[in-house]
Amino acid sequence: MVIGVPREIKAKEFRVGLLPSAAYQLIQRGHRVLVERWAGAGAGYPDADYQQAGAELVEDHAAVFQQADLVVKVKEPQPTEIPLLRPEQMLFAYLHLAPDRALTEGLLRAGV
């Protein structure tokens, strides 16, 4: 499985969806992990930590979504990310859908 970790783009969000240690464990189990450059920097995990774990660094935000079978995020997809999702793709993120009808409908349309 290809697991993608995009950089969080929500304002004032500096966490990362997957730590380098978790990336390492997933890679050891045969998965491919793609991490957008600078995804972990705000949380204290530089790109070098992900490279040392065996993850592949990706320059382009959209490319993470395009290549990943599973997208791992902290926050809900932002409006510019909804069109990047595709049917049968899995999303692992904290979702607060009750107050956000547009997000709910976008996720349904995307088929994730």
Protein backbone atom coordinates (compact mmCIF):
# COMPACT_ATOMS: atom_id res chain seq x y z
CA MET A 1 0.00 0.00 0.00
CA VAL A 2 1.16 3.54 -0.71
CA ILE A 3 0.66 5.76 2.33
CA GLY A 4 0.80 9.51 1.81
CA VAL A 5 1.48 12.18 4.42
CA PRO A 6 0.76 15.66 3.10
CA ARG A 7 1.87 18.80 4.90
CA GLU A 8 -1.03 20.26 6.86
CA ILE A 9 -2.27 23.45 5.22
CA LYS A 10 -4.87 24.55 7.76
CA ALA A 11 -3.88 27.83 9.42
CA LYS A 12 -1.92 27.40 12.67
CA GLU A 13 -1.72 23.61 12.30
CA PHE A 14 1.82 22.38 12.77
CA ARG A 15 1.27 18.73 13.65
CA VAL A 16 1.96 15.87 11.26
CA GLY A 17 -0.19 12.82 10.61
CA LEU A 18 2.57 10.22 10.82
CA LEU A 19 5.80 10.28 12.84
CA PRO A 20 9.05 9.02 11.34
CA SER A 21 9.01 6.04 13.72
CA ALA A 22 5.56 5.01 12.43
CA ALA A 23 6.73 5.49 8.84
CA TYR A 24 9.65 3.18 9.58
CA GLN A 25 7.34 0.50 10.99
CA LEU A 26 5.03 0.69 7.97
CA ILE A 27 7.96 0.47 5.56
CA GLN A 28 9.33 -2.54 7.43
CA ARG A 29 5.97 -4.22 6.82
CA GLY A 30 6.22 -3.67 3.07
CA HIS A 31 4.37 -0.39 2.59
CA ARG A 32 5.63 2.61 0.65
CA VAL A 33 5.43 5.90 2.56
CA LEU A 34 5.41 9.26 0.79
CA VAL A 35 5.90 12.39 2.87
CA GLU A 36 5.54 15.91 1.54
CA ARG A 37 8.63 18.00 2.18
CA TRP A 38 8.39 19.97 5.44
CA ALA A 39 5.34 17.96 6.59
CA GLY A 40 6.87 17.23 9.98
CA ALA A 41 9.06 20.30 10.44
CA GLY A 42 6.50 22.24 12.49
CA ALA A 43 6.22 19.33 14.90
CA GLY A 44 9.97 18.91 15.26
CA TYR A 45 10.49 16.14 12.69
CA PRO A 46 12.78 17.29 9.87
CA ASP A 47 12.75 15.70 6.43
CA ALA A 48 15.99 13.88 7.27
CA ASP A 49 14.15 11.86 9.96
CA TYR A 50 11.66 10.63 7.37
CA GLN A 51 14.43 9.83 4.89
CA GLN A 52 16.32 7.89 7.54
CA ALA A 53 13.12 5.93 8.23
CA GLY A 54 12.97 5.00 4.53
CA ALA A 55 10.16 7.32 3.44
CA GLU A 56 10.22 9.06 0.09
CA LEU A 57 10.04 12.86 0.14
CA VAL A 58 7.63 14.46 -2.33
CA GLU A 59 7.84 18.09 -3.42
CA ASP A 60 4.27 18.56 -4.62
CA HIS A 61 1.26 18.61 -2.28
CA ALA A 62 -1.11 17.26 -4.95
CA ALA A 63 1.30 14.44 -5.85
CA VAL A 64 0.95 12.97 -2.35
CA PHE A 65 -2.81 12.66 -2.89
CA GLN A 66 -2.42 11.39 -6.45
CA GLN A 67 -0.08 8.55 -5.49
CA ALA A 68 -1.45 7.49 -2.11
CA ASP A 69 -3.90 4.69 -1.44
CA LEU A 70 -4.18 5.97 2.12
CA VAL A 71 -3.83 9.66 3.02
CA VAL A 72 -2.90 10.32 6.66
CA LYS A 73 -3.65 13.81 8.00
CA VAL A 74 -4.23 15.44 11.35
CA LYS A 75 -6.98 17.84 10.34
CA GLU A 76 -9.88 17.50 7.95
CA PRO A 77 -9.15 18.06 4.26
CA GLN A 78 -9.25 21.73 3.39
CA PRO A 79 -11.42 22.99 0.50
CA THR A 80 -8.46 22.91 -1.92
CA GLU A 81 -7.72 19.30 -0.96
CA ILE A 82 -11.20 17.86 -1.53
CA PRO A 83 -10.74 17.76 -5.34
CA LEU A 84 -7.47 15.86 -4.80
CA LEU A 85 -9.30 12.93 -3.19
CA ARG A 86 -10.50 10.09 -5.38
CA PRO A 87 -12.88 7.13 -5.18
CA GLU A 88 -11.67 4.12 -3.23
CA GLN A 89 -8.90 6.16 -1.61
CA MET A 90 -8.77 5.93 2.18
CA LEU A 91 -8.50 8.96 4.42
CA PHE A 92 -7.29 8.78 8.01
CA ALA A 93 -7.91 12.11 9.73
CA TYR A 94 -9.88 13.71 12.52
CA LEU A 95 -13.15 14.84 10.99
CA HIS A 96 -15.67 17.22 12.54
CA LEU A 97 -18.47 16.78 10.03
CA ALA A 98 -21.48 17.94 12.01
CA PRO A 99 -20.79 21.67 11.59
CA ASP A 100 -19.40 21.40 8.06
CA ARG A 101 -21.94 20.28 5.48
CA ALA A 102 -19.73 21.30 2.54
CA LEU A 103 -16.90 19.05 3.78
CA THR A 104 -19.29 16.16 4.31
CA GLU A 105 -20.73 16.52 0.81
CA GLY A 106 -17.27 16.92 -0.69
CA LEU A 107 -16.07 13.71 0.91
CA LEU A 108 -19.16 11.87 -0.31
CA ARG A 109 -18.63 13.16 -3.85
CA ALA A 110 -14.97 12.16 -3.71
CA GLY A 111 -15.90 8.61 -2.79
CA VAL A 112 -13.23 8.21 -0.13
